[in-house]
């Protein structure tokens, strides 16, 4: 009986830690993993949650990072520059900049 409780406790703590690293509720997934240890497998394979309008996913490790990050804080991968098309002259420019060709504010 003691082994089962220790196993469930380890599964609960691991489920909470994995959920927290993916931006999910550590309390919910920790309790779920404690009572149902196979839930640890489910939370392990769930994708990371992005905060609405406040971040983006790293192109390398797929973790949630700040929207303006140049380097991923988790894996150190340099993030690609986001380019948009100028609606006036159709040239591609970096997001949040004025178009260098026609001067239009984007």
PDB file of N, CA and C in Angstrom:
ATOM      1  N   UNK A   1       0.824  -1.199   0.000  1.00  0.00           N
ATOM      2  CA  UNK A   1       0.000   0.000   0.000  1.00  0.00           C
ATOM      3  C   UNK A   1       0.871   1.268   0.000  1.00  0.00           C
ATOM      4  N   UNK A   2       1.960   1.233   0.722  1.00  0.00           N
ATOM      5  CA  UNK A   2       2.850   2.382   0.800  1.00  0.00           C
ATOM      6  C   UNK A   2       3.493   2.671  -0.550  1.00  0.00           C
ATOM      7  N   UNK A   3       3.817   1.623  -1.288  1.00  0.00           N
ATOM      8  CA  UNK A   3       4.420   1.799  -2.610  1.00  0.00           C
ATOM      9  C   UNK A   3       3.467   2.505  -3.566  1.00  0.00           C
ATOM     10  N   UNK A   4       2.205   2.173  -3.486  1.00  0.00           N
ATOM     11  CA  UNK A   4       1.205   2.782  -4.361  1.00  0.00           C
ATOM     12  C   UNK A   4       1.083   4.275  -4.055  1.00  0.00           C
ATOM     13  N   UNK A   5       1.066   4.637  -2.789  1.00  0.00           N
ATOM     14  CA  UNK A   5       0.959   6.048  -2.403  1.00  0.00           C
ATOM     15  C   UNK A   5       2.197   6.817  -2.848  1.00  0.00           C
ATOM     16  N   UNK A   6       3.368   6.219  -2.668  1.00  0.00           N
ATOM     17  CA  UNK A   6       4.608   6.889  -3.087  1.00  0.00           C
ATOM     18  C   UNK A   6       4.634   7.048  -4.604  1.00  0.00           C
ATOM     19  N   UNK A   7       4.239   6.006  -5.326  1.00  0.00           N
ATOM     20  CA  UNK A   7       4.179   6.088  -6.785  1.00  0.00           C
ATOM     21  C   UNK A   7       3.207   7.175  -7.242  1.00  0.00           C
ATOM     22  N   UNK A   8       2.026   7.228  -6.625  1.00  0.00           N
ATOM     23  CA  UNK A   8       1.040   8.257  -6.981  1.00  0.00           C
ATOM     24  C   UNK A   8       1.536   9.653  -6.627  1.00  0.00           C
ATOM     25  N   UNK A   9       2.243   9.792  -5.525  1.00  0.00           N
ATOM     26  CA  UNK A   9       2.790  11.089  -5.133  1.00  0.00           C
ATOM     27  C   UNK A   9       3.837  11.559  -6.141  1.00  0.00           C
ATOM     28  N   UNK A  10       4.700  10.659  -6.567  1.00  0.00           N
ATOM     29  CA  UNK A  10       5.711  11.005  -7.576  1.00  0.00           C
ATOM     30  C   UNK A  10       5.037  11.373  -8.895  1.00  0.00           C
ATOM     31  N   UNK A  11       4.025  10.614  -9.294  1.00  0.00           N
ATOM     32  CA  UNK A  11       3.297  10.912 -10.533  1.00  0.00           C
ATOM     33  C   UNK A  11       2.600  12.264 -10.437  1.00  0.00           C
ATOM     34  N   UNK A  12       2.033  12.591  -9.270  1.00  0.00           N
ATOM     35  CA  UNK A  12       1.365  13.879  -9.088  1.00  0.00           C
ATOM     36  C   UNK A  12       2.317  15.059  -9.175  1.00  0.00           C
ATOM     37  N   UNK A  13       3.460  14.932  -8.531  1.00  0.00           N
ATOM     38  CA  UNK A  13       4.458  16.012  -8.573  1.00  0.00           C
ATOM     39  C   UNK A  13       5.002  16.170  -9.992  1.00  0.00           C
ATOM     40  N   UNK A  14       5.298  15.054 -10.649  1.00  0.00           N
ATOM     41  CA  UNK A  14       5.812  15.119 -12.022  1.00  0.00           C
ATOM     42  C   UNK A  14       4.760  15.717 -12.954  1.00  0.00           C
ATOM     43  N   UNK A  15       3.504  15.330 -12.795  1.00  0.00           N
ATOM     44  CA  UNK A  15       2.435  15.889 -13.628  1.00  0.00           C
ATOM     45  C   UNK A  15       2.290  17.384 -13.439  1.00  0.00           C
ATOM     46  N   UNK A  16       2.397  17.851 -12.195  1.00  0.00           N
ATOM     47  CA  UNK A  16       2.315  19.286 -11.927  1.00  0.00           C
ATOM     48  C   UNK A  16       3.483  20.052 -12.522  1.00  0.00           C
ATOM     49  N   UNK A  17       4.682  19.499 -12.437  1.00  0.00           N
ATOM     50  CA  UNK A  17       5.866  20.175 -12.987  1.00  0.00           C
ATOM     51  C   UNK A  17       5.823  20.233 -14.514  1.00  0.00           C
ATOM     52  N   UNK A  18       5.411  19.141 -15.141  1.00  0.00           N
ATOM     53  CA  UNK A  18       5.320  19.132 -16.602  1.00  0.00           C
ATOM     54  C   UNK A  18       4.252  20.119 -17.064  1.00  0.00           C
ATOM     55  N   UNK A  19       3.107  20.135 -16.371  1.00  0.00           N
ATOM     56  CA  UNK A  19       2.029  21.057 -16.736  1.00  0.00           C
ATOM     57  C   UNK A  19       2.470  22.508 -16.578  1.00  0.00           C
ATOM     58  N   UNK A  20       3.201  22.808 -15.504  1.00  0.00           N
ATOM     59  CA  UNK A  20       3.666  24.181 -15.289  1.00  0.00           C
ATOM     60  C   UNK A  20       4.630  24.613 -16.378  1.00  0.00           C
ATOM     61  N   UNK A  21       5.490  23.715 -16.837  1.00  0.00           N
ATOM     62  CA  UNK A  21       6.441  24.068 -17.887  1.00  0.00           C
ATOM     63  C   UNK A  21       5.759  24.301 -19.232  1.00  0.00           C
ATOM     64  N   UNK A  22       4.538  23.781 -19.380  1.00  0.00           N
ATOM     65  CA  UNK A  22       3.803  23.966 -20.629  1.00  0.00           C
ATOM     66  C   UNK A  22       2.736  25.048 -20.528  1.00  0.00           C
ATOM     67  N   UNK A  23       2.708  25.785 -19.423  1.00  0.00           N
ATOM     68  CA  UNK A  23       1.760  26.878 -19.272  1.00  0.00           C
ATOM     69  C   UNK A  23       0.368  26.423 -18.879  1.00  0.00           C
ATOM     70  N   UNK A  24       0.242  25.233 -18.357  1.00  0.00           N
ATOM     71  CA  UNK A  24      -1.046  24.703 -17.939  1.00  0.00           C
ATOM     72  C   UNK A  24      -1.135  24.709 -16.413  1.00  0.00           C
ATOM     73  N   UNK A  25      -2.308  24.427 -15.876  1.00  0.00           N
ATOM     74  CA  UNK A  25      -2.538  24.471 -14.437  1.00  0.00           C
ATOM     75  C   UNK A  25      -1.796  23.335 -13.727  1.00  0.00           C
ATOM     76  N   UNK A  26      -0.791  23.671 -12.906  1.00  0.00           N
ATOM     77  CA  UNK A  26      -0.052  22.607 -12.221  1.00  0.00           C
ATOM     78  C   UNK A  26      -0.875  21.916 -11.132  1.00  0.00           C
ATOM     79  N   UNK A  27      -1.795  22.649 -10.495  1.00  0.00           N
ATOM     80  CA  UNK A  27      -2.611  22.050  -9.440  1.00  0.00           C
ATOM     81  C   UNK A  27      -3.563  21.014 -10.041  1.00  0.00           C
ATOM     82  N   UNK A  28      -4.265  21.388 -11.102  1.00  0.00           N
ATOM     83  CA  UNK A  28      -5.206  20.472 -11.737  1.00  0.00           C
ATOM     84  C   UNK A  28      -4.514  19.216 -12.239  1.00  0.00           C
ATOM     85  N   UNK A  29      -3.429  19.387 -13.013  1.00  0.00           N
ATOM     86  CA  UNK A  29      -2.748  18.236 -13.587  1.00  0.00           C
ATOM     87  C   UNK A  29      -1.991  17.440 -12.530  1.00  0.00           C
ATOM     88  N   UNK A  30      -1.530  18.106 -11.480  1.00  0.00           N
ATOM     89  CA  UNK A  30      -0.879  17.382 -10.389  1.00  0.00           C
ATOM     90  C   UNK A  30      -1.856  16.478  -9.654  1.00  0.00           C
ATOM     91  N   UNK A  31      -3.038  17.011  -9.334  1.00  0.00           N
ATOM     92  CA  UNK A  31      -4.052  16.192  -8.669  1.00  0.00           C
ATOM     93  C   UNK A  31      -4.555  15.077  -9.575  1.00  0.00           C
ATOM     94  N   UNK A  32      -4.772  15.407 -10.844  1.00  0.00           N
ATOM     95  CA  UNK A  32      -5.229  14.388 -11.788  1.00  0.00           C
ATOM     96  C   UNK A  32      -4.190  13.271 -11.936  1.00  0.00           C
ATOM     97  N   UNK A  33      -2.921  13.650 -11.981  1.00  0.00           N
ATOM     98  CA  UNK A  33      -1.857  12.650 -12.095  1.00  0.00           C
ATOM     99  C   UNK A  33      -1.692  11.853 -10.801  1.00  0.00           C
ATOM    100  N   UNK A  34      -2.018  12.464  -9.667  1.00  0.00           N
ATOM    101  CA  UNK A  34      -1.939  11.743  -8.397  1.00  0.00           C
ATOM    102  C   UNK A  34      -3.004  10.646  -8.337  1.00  0.00           C
ATOM    103  N   UNK A  35      -4.235  10.994  -8.698  1.00  0.00           N
ATOM    104  CA  UNK A  35      -5.320  10.021  -8.628  1.00  0.00           C
ATOM    105  C   UNK A  35      -5.333   9.053  -9.820  1.00  0.00           C
ATOM    106  N   UNK A  36      -4.905   9.536 -10.983  1.00  0.00           N
ATOM    107  CA  UNK A  36      -4.839   8.718 -12.195  1.00  0.00           C
ATOM    108  C   UNK A  36      -3.452   8.874 -12.805  1.00  0.00           C
ATOM    109  N   UNK A  37      -2.477   8.069 -12.396  1.00  0.00           N
ATOM    110  CA  UNK A  37      -1.092   8.252 -12.850  1.00  0.00           C
ATOM    111  C   UNK A  37      -0.900   8.240 -14.366  1.00  0.00           C
ATOM    112  N   UNK A  38      -1.813   7.611 -15.102  1.00  0.00           N
ATOM    113  CA  UNK A  38      -1.665   7.611 -16.549  1.00  0.00           C
ATOM    114  C   UNK A  38      -1.949   8.981 -17.153  1.00  0.00           C
ATOM    115  N   UNK A  39      -2.514   9.904 -16.379  1.00  0.00           N
ATOM    116  CA  UNK A  39      -2.719  11.275 -16.864  1.00  0.00           C
ATOM    117  C   UNK A  39      -1.384  11.974 -17.086  1.00  0.00           C
ATOM    118  N   UNK A  40      -0.339  11.482 -16.449  1.00  0.00           N
ATOM    119  CA  UNK A  40       1.001  12.037 -16.660  1.00  0.00           C
ATOM    120  C   UNK A  40       1.415  11.887 -18.118  1.00  0.00           C
ATOM    121  N   UNK A  41       1.040  10.788 -18.737  1.00  0.00           N
ATOM    122  CA  UNK A  41       1.351  10.574 -20.150  1.00  0.00           C
ATOM    123  C   UNK A  41       0.606  11.588 -21.008  1.00  0.00           C
ATOM    124  N   UNK A  42      -0.640  11.866 -20.647  1.00  0.00           N
ATOM    125  CA  UNK A  42      -1.446  12.820 -21.414  1.00  0.00           C
ATOM    126  C   UNK A  42      -0.847  14.213 -21.337  1.00  0.00           C
ATOM    127  N   UNK A  43      -0.528  14.686 -20.134  1.00  0.00           N
ATOM    128  CA  UNK A  43       0.006  16.044 -19.981  1.00  0.00           C
ATOM    129  C   UNK A  43       1.385  16.161 -20.626  1.00  0.00           C
ATOM    130  N   UNK A  44       2.122  15.064 -20.672  1.00  0.00           N
ATOM    131  CA  UNK A  44       3.441  15.093 -21.298  1.00  0.00           C
ATOM    132  C   UNK A  44       3.343  15.372 -22.797  1.00  0.00           C
ATOM    133  N   UNK A  45       2.308  14.839 -23.452  1.00  0.00           N
ATOM    134  CA  UNK A  45       2.170  15.001 -24.894  1.00  0.00           C
ATOM    135  C   UNK A  45       1.306  16.200 -25.303  1.00  0.00           C
ATOM    136  N   UNK A  46       0.727  16.919 -24.345  1.00  0.00           N
ATOM    137  CA  UNK A  46      -0.048  18.111 -24.692  1.00  0.00           C
ATOM    138  C   UNK A  46       0.880  19.228 -25.142  1.00  0.00           C
ATOM    139  N   UNK A  47       0.452  20.048 -26.118  1.00  0.00           N
ATOM    140  CA  UNK A  47       1.297  21.167 -26.545  1.00  0.00           C
ATOM    141  C   UNK A  47       1.277  22.286 -25.508  1.00  0.00           C
ATOM    142  N   UNK A  48       2.273  23.154 -25.587  1.00  0.00           N
ATOM    143  CA  UNK A  48       2.336  24.305 -24.694  1.00  0.00           C
ATOM    144  C   UNK A  48       1.225  25.287 -25.037  1.00  0.00           C
ATOM    145  N   UNK A  49       0.754  25.984 -24.023  1.00  0.00           N
ATOM    146  CA  UNK A  49      -0.307  26.970 -24.206  1.00  0.00           C
ATOM    147  C   UNK A  49       0.323  28.341 -24.401  1.00  0.00           C
ATOM    148  N   UNK A  50      -0.120  29.058 -25.421  1.00  0.00           N
ATOM    149  CA  UNK A  50       0.343  30.427 -25.639  1.00  0.00           C
ATOM    150  C   UNK A  50      -0.637  31.396 -25.015  1.00  0.00           C
ATOM    151  N   UNK A  51      -0.115  32.417 -24.379  1.00  0.00           N
ATOM    152  CA  UNK A  51      -0.985  33.464 -23.857  1.00  0.00           C
ATOM    153  C   UNK A  51      -1.549  34.246 -25.029  1.00  0.00           C
ATOM    154  N   UNK A  52      -2.793  34.605 -24.942  1.00  0.00           N
ATOM    155  CA  UNK A  52      -3.466  35.295 -26.038  1.00  0.00           C
ATOM    156  C   UNK A  52      -2.856  36.679 -26.240  1.00  0.00           C
ATOM    157  N   UNK A  53      -2.381  36.967 -27.453  1.00  0.00           N
ATOM    158  CA  UNK A  53      -1.848  38.265 -27.861  1.00  0.00           C
ATOM    159  C   UNK A  53      -0.651  38.720 -27.032  1.00  0.00           C
ATOM    160  N   UNK A  54       0.012  37.830 -26.296  1.00  0.00           N
ATOM    161  CA  UNK A  54       1.151  38.290 -25.517  1.00  0.00           C
ATOM    162  C   UNK A  54       2.422  37.505 -25.821  1.00  0.00           C
ATOM    163  N   UNK A  55       2.352  36.536 -26.710  1.00  0.00           N
ATOM    164  CA  UNK A  55       3.541  35.757 -26.987  1.00  0.00           C
ATOM    165  C   UNK A  55       3.454  35.039 -28.313  1.00  0.00           C
ATOM    166  N   UNK A  56       4.482  34.229 -28.542  1.00  0.00           N
ATOM    167  CA  UNK A  56       4.538  33.411 -29.750  1.00  0.00           C
ATOM    168  C   UNK A  56       5.257  32.128 -29.387  1.00  0.00           C
ATOM    169  N   UNK A  57       5.310  31.202 -30.327  1.00  0.00           N
ATOM    170  CA  UNK A  57       6.006  29.947 -30.111  1.00  0.00           C
ATOM    171  C   UNK A  57       7.403  30.011 -30.697  1.00  0.00           C
ATOM    172  N   UNK A  58       8.350  29.409 -29.988  1.00  0.00           N
ATOM    173  CA  UNK A  58       9.705  29.295 -30.508  1.00  0.00           C
ATOM    174  C   UNK A  58       9.678  28.370 -31.720  1.00  0.00           C
ATOM    175  N   UNK A  59      10.385  28.720 -32.759  1.00  0.00           N
ATOM    176  CA  UNK A  59      10.412  27.910 -33.968  1.00  0.00           C
ATOM    177  C   UNK A  59      11.167  26.604 -33.753  1.00  0.00           C
ATOM    178  N   UNK A  60      12.012  26.529 -32.728  1.00  0.00           N
ATOM    179  CA  UNK A  60      12.813  25.341 -32.490  1.00  0.00           C
ATOM    180  C   UNK A  60      12.189  24.412 -31.445  1.00  0.00           C
ATOM    181  N   UNK A  61      11.932  24.917 -30.230  1.00  0.00           N
ATOM    182  CA  UNK A  61      11.465  24.052 -29.146  1.00  0.00           C
ATOM    183  C   UNK A  61       9.959  24.125 -28.915  1.00  0.00           C
ATOM    184  N   UNK A  62       9.262  25.022 -29.596  1.00  0.00           N
ATOM    185  CA  UNK A  62       7.802  25.152 -29.548  1.00  0.00           C
ATOM    186  C   UNK A  62       7.257  25.588 -28.189  1.00  0.00           C
ATOM    187  N   UNK A  63       8.091  26.205 -27.359  1.00  0.00           N
ATOM    188  CA  UNK A  63       7.618  26.720 -26.075  1.00  0.00           C
ATOM    189  C   UNK A  63       7.138  28.149 -26.249  1.00  0.00           C
ATOM    190  N   UNK A  64       6.293  28.603 -25.339  1.00  0.00           N
ATOM    191  CA  UNK A  64       5.776  29.964 -25.379  1.00  0.00           C
ATOM    192  C   UNK A  64       6.876  30.935 -24.949  1.00  0.00           C
ATOM    193  N   UNK A  65       7.101  31.957 -25.772  1.00  0.00           N
ATOM    194  CA  UNK A  65       8.110  32.977 -25.482  1.00  0.00           C
ATOM    195  C   UNK A  65       7.482  34.348 -25.684  1.00  0.00           C
ATOM    196  N   UNK A  66       8.084  35.415 -25.142  1.00  0.00           N
ATOM    197  CA  UNK A  66       7.545  36.765 -25.364  1.00  0.00           C
ATOM    198  C   UNK A  66       7.526  37.129 -26.840  1.00  0.00           C
ATOM    199  N   UNK A  67       6.573  37.956 -27.226  1.00  0.00           N
ATOM    200  CA  UNK A  67       6.374  38.307 -28.622  1.00  0.00           C
ATOM    201  C   UNK A  67       7.576  39.029 -29.223  1.00  0.00           C
ATOM    202  N   UNK A  68       8.272  39.836 -28.429  1.00  0.00           N
ATOM    203  CA  UNK A  68       9.387  40.623 -28.947  1.00  0.00           C
ATOM    204  C   UNK A  68      10.749  39.954 -28.724  1.00  0.00           C
ATOM    205  N   UNK A  69      10.770  38.685 -28.324  1.00  0.00           N
ATOM    206  CA  UNK A  69      12.033  37.993 -28.045  1.00  0.00           C
ATOM    207  C   UNK A  69      12.805  37.728 -29.337  1.00  0.00           C
ATOM    208  N   UNK A  70      14.105  38.002 -29.288  1.00  0.00           N
ATOM    209  CA  UNK A  70      14.989  37.727 -30.413  1.00  0.00           C
ATOM    210  C   UNK A  70      15.604  36.334 -30.244  1.00  0.00           C
ATOM    211  N   UNK A  71      15.908  35.972 -28.993  1.00  0.00           N
ATOM    212  CA  UNK A  71      16.428  34.646 -28.664  1.00  0.00           C
ATOM    213  C   UNK A  71      15.440  33.943 -27.745  1.00  0.00           C
ATOM    214  N   UNK A  72      15.288  32.639 -27.923  1.00  0.00           N
ATOM    215  CA  UNK A  72      14.423  31.853 -27.054  1.00  0.00           C
ATOM    216  C   UNK A  72      15.089  31.714 -25.687  1.00  0.00           C
ATOM    217  N   UNK A  73      14.384  32.028 -24.582  1.00  0.00           N
ATOM    218  CA  UNK A  73      14.997  31.897 -23.262  1.00  0.00           C
ATOM    219  C   UNK A  73      15.212  30.446 -22.837  1.00  0.00           C
ATOM    220  N   UNK A  74      14.575  29.489 -23.511  1.00  0.00           N
ATOM    221  CA  UNK A  74      14.690  28.086 -23.133  1.00  0.00           C
ATOM    222  C   UNK A  74      15.791  27.364 -23.904  1.00  0.00           C
ATOM    223  N   UNK A  75      15.819  27.524 -25.232  1.00  0.00           N
ATOM    224  CA  UNK A  75      16.800  26.781 -26.036  1.00  0.00           C
ATOM    225  C   UNK A  75      17.874  27.681 -26.644  1.00  0.00           C
ATOM    226  N   UNK A  76      17.712  29.009 -26.576  1.00  0.00           N
ATOM    227  CA  UNK A  76      18.713  29.929 -27.102  1.00  0.00           C
ATOM    228  C   UNK A  76      18.673  30.108 -28.608  1.00  0.00           C
ATOM    229  N   UNK A  77      17.674  29.546 -29.278  1.00  0.00           N
ATOM    230  CA  UNK A  77      17.569  29.646 -30.723  1.00  0.00           C
ATOM    231  C   UNK A  77      17.175  31.068 -31.137  1.00  0.00           C
ATOM    232  N   UNK A  78      17.843  31.595 -32.167  1.00  0.00           N
ATOM    233  CA  UNK A  78      17.499  32.920 -32.678  1.00  0.00           C
ATOM    234  C   UNK A  78      16.187  32.819 -33.453  1.00  0.00           C
ATOM    235  N   UNK A  79      15.268  33.728 -33.174  1.00  0.00           N
ATOM    236  CA  UNK A  79      13.952  33.695 -33.792  1.00  0.00           C
ATOM    237  C   UNK A  79      13.978  34.388 -35.143  1.00  0.00           C
ATOM    238  N   UNK A  80      13.196  33.888 -36.096  1.00  0.00           N
ATOM    239  CA  UNK A  80      13.163  34.530 -37.419  1.00  0.00           C
ATOM    240  C   UNK A  80      12.508  35.902 -37.336  1.00  0.00           C
ATOM    241  N   UNK A  81      12.942  36.798 -38.208  1.00  0.00           N
ATOM    242  CA  UNK A  81      12.368  38.140 -38.267  1.00  0.00           C
ATOM    243  C   UNK A  81      11.028  38.052 -38.974  1.00  0.00           C
ATOM    244  N   UNK A  82      10.012  38.645 -38.383  1.00  0.00           N
ATOM    245  CA  UNK A  82       8.685  38.620 -38.983  1.00  0.00           C
ATOM    246  C   UNK A  82       8.577  39.738 -40.015  1.00  0.00           C
ATOM    247  N   UNK A  83       8.304  39.355 -41.245  1.00  0.00           N
ATOM    248  CA  UNK A  83       8.192  40.312 -42.337  1.00  0.00           C
ATOM    249  C   UNK A  83       6.734  40.411 -42.782  1.00  0.00           C
ATOM    250  N   UNK A  84       6.320  41.614 -43.165  1.00  0.00           N
ATOM    251  CA  UNK A  84       4.983  41.822 -43.721  1.00  0.00           C
ATOM    252  C   UNK A  84       5.114  42.566 -45.048  1.00  0.00           C
ATOM    253  N   UNK A  85       4.091  42.470 -45.850  1.00  0.00           N
ATOM    254  CA  UNK A  85       4.104  43.117 -47.158  1.00  0.00           C
ATOM    255  C   UNK A  85       3.481  44.504 -47.040  1.00  0.00           C
ATOM    256  N   UNK A  86       4.163  45.500 -47.564  1.00  0.00           N
ATOM    257  CA  UNK A  86       3.639  46.865 -47.580  1.00  0.00           C
ATOM    258  C   UNK A  86       2.444  46.900 -48.536  1.00  0.00           C
ATOM    259  N   UNK A  87       1.285  47.376 -48.075  1.00  0.00           N
ATOM    260  CA  UNK A  87       0.124  47.404 -48.959  1.00  0.00           C
ATOM    261  C   UNK A  87       0.237  48.449 -50.063  1.00  0.00           C
ATOM    262  N   UNK A  88       1.145  49.401 -49.904  1.00  0.00           N
ATOM    263  CA  UNK A  88       1.287  50.473 -50.876  1.00  0.00           C
ATOM    264  C   UNK A  88       2.209  50.079 -52.037  1.00  0.00           C
ATOM    265  N   UNK A  89       3.442  49.638 -51.730  1.00  0.00           N
ATOM    266  CA  UNK A  89       4.421  49.354 -52.787  1.00  0.00           C
ATOM    267  C   UNK A  89       4.729  47.865 -52.944  1.00  0.00           C
ATOM    268  N   UNK A  90       4.136  47.012 -52.120  1.00  0.00           N
ATOM    269  CA  UNK A  90       4.273  45.557 -52.189  1.00  0.00           C
ATOM    270  C   UNK A  90       5.676  45.040 -51.849  1.00  0.00           C
ATOM    271  N   UNK A  91       6.502  45.822 -51.185  1.00  0.00           N
ATOM    272  CA  UNK A  91       7.803  45.318 -50.758  1.00  0.00           C
ATOM    273  C   UNK A  91       7.655  44.726 -49.349  1.00  0.00           C
ATOM    274  N   UNK A  92       8.538  43.806 -49.001  1.00  0.00           N
ATOM    275  CA  UNK A  92       8.484  43.175 -47.686  1.00  0.00           C
ATOM    276  C   UNK A  92       9.388  43.932 -46.717  1.00  0.00           C
ATOM    277  N   UNK A  93       8.828  44.263 -45.562  1.00  0.00           N
ATOM    278  CA  UNK A  93       9.555  45.023 -44.545  1.00  0.00           C
ATOM    279  C   UNK A  93       9.350  44.347 -43.196  1.00  0.00           C
ATOM    280  N   UNK A  94      10.215  44.691 -42.235  1.00  0.00           N
ATOM    281  CA  UNK A  94      10.113  44.144 -40.892  1.00  0.00           C
ATOM    282  C   UNK A  94       8.885  44.718 -40.205  1.00  0.00           C
ATOM    283  N   UNK A  95       8.205  43.862 -39.451  1.00  0.00           N
ATOM    284  CA  UNK A  95       6.993  44.271 -38.749  1.00  0.00           C
ATOM    285  C   UNK A  95       7.291  45.452 -37.814  1.00  0.00           C
ATOM    286  N   UNK A  96       6.323  46.351 -37.673  1.00  0.00           N
ATOM    287  CA  UNK A  96       6.395  47.527 -36.800  1.00  0.00           C
ATOM    288  C   UNK A  96       7.433  48.558 -37.266  1.00  0.00           C
ATOM    289  N   UNK A  97       7.677  48.631 -38.530  1.00  0.00           N
ATOM    290  CA  UNK A  97       8.603  49.634 -39.077  1.00  0.00           C
ATOM    291  C   UNK A  97       7.890  50.375 -40.210  1.00  0.00           C
ATOM    292  N   UNK A  98       8.432  51.521 -40.576  1.00  0.00           N
ATOM    293  CA  UNK A  98       7.957  52.227 -41.749  1.00  0.00           C
ATOM    294  C   UNK A  98       8.597  51.587 -42.988  1.00  0.00           C
ATOM    295  N   UNK A  99       7.879  51.629 -44.102  1.00  0.00           N
ATOM    296  CA  UNK A  99       8.387  51.053 -45.328  1.00  0.00           C
ATOM    297  C   UNK A  99       9.560  51.917 -45.823  1.00  0.00           C
ATOM    298  N   UNK A 100      10.741  51.306 -46.076  1.00  0.00           N
ATOM    299  CA  UNK A 100      11.886  52.089 -46.518  1.00  0.00           C
ATOM    300  C   UNK A 100      11.745  52.582 -47.963  1.00  0.00           C
ATOM    301  N   UNK A 101      10.868  51.974 -48.750  1.00  0.00           N
ATOM    302  CA  UNK A 101      10.701  52.358 -50.137  1.00  0.00           C
ATOM    303  C   UNK A 101       9.732  53.529 -50.314  1.00  0.00           C
ATOM    304  N   UNK A 102       8.558  53.430 -49.696  1.00  0.00           N
ATOM    305  CA  UNK A 102       7.548  54.470 -49.897  1.00  0.00           C
ATOM    306  C   UNK A 102       7.307  55.318 -48.663  1.00  0.00           C
ATOM    307  N   UNK A 103       7.861  54.912 -47.477  1.00  0.00           N
ATOM    308  CA  UNK A 103       7.724  55.717 -46.277  1.00  0.00           C
ATOM    309  C   UNK A 103       6.413  55.539 -45.535  1.00  0.00           C
ATOM    310  N   UNK A 104       5.549  54.669 -45.995  1.00  0.00           N
ATOM    311  CA  UNK A 104       4.242  54.486 -45.362  1.00  0.00           C
ATOM    312  C   UNK A 104       4.414  53.820 -43.994  1.00  0.00           C
ATOM    313  N   UNK A 105       3.675  54.307 -43.003  1.00  0.00           N
ATOM    314  CA  UNK A 105       3.685  53.719 -41.666  1.00  0.00           C
ATOM    315  C   UNK A 105       2.883  52.420 -41.686  1.00  0.00           C
ATOM    316  N   UNK A 106       3.429  51.381 -41.111  1.00  0.00           N
ATOM    317  CA  UNK A 106       2.759  50.070 -41.115  1.00  0.00           C
ATOM    318  C   UNK A 106       2.250  49.732 -39.732  1.00  0.00           C
TER     319      UNK A 106
END
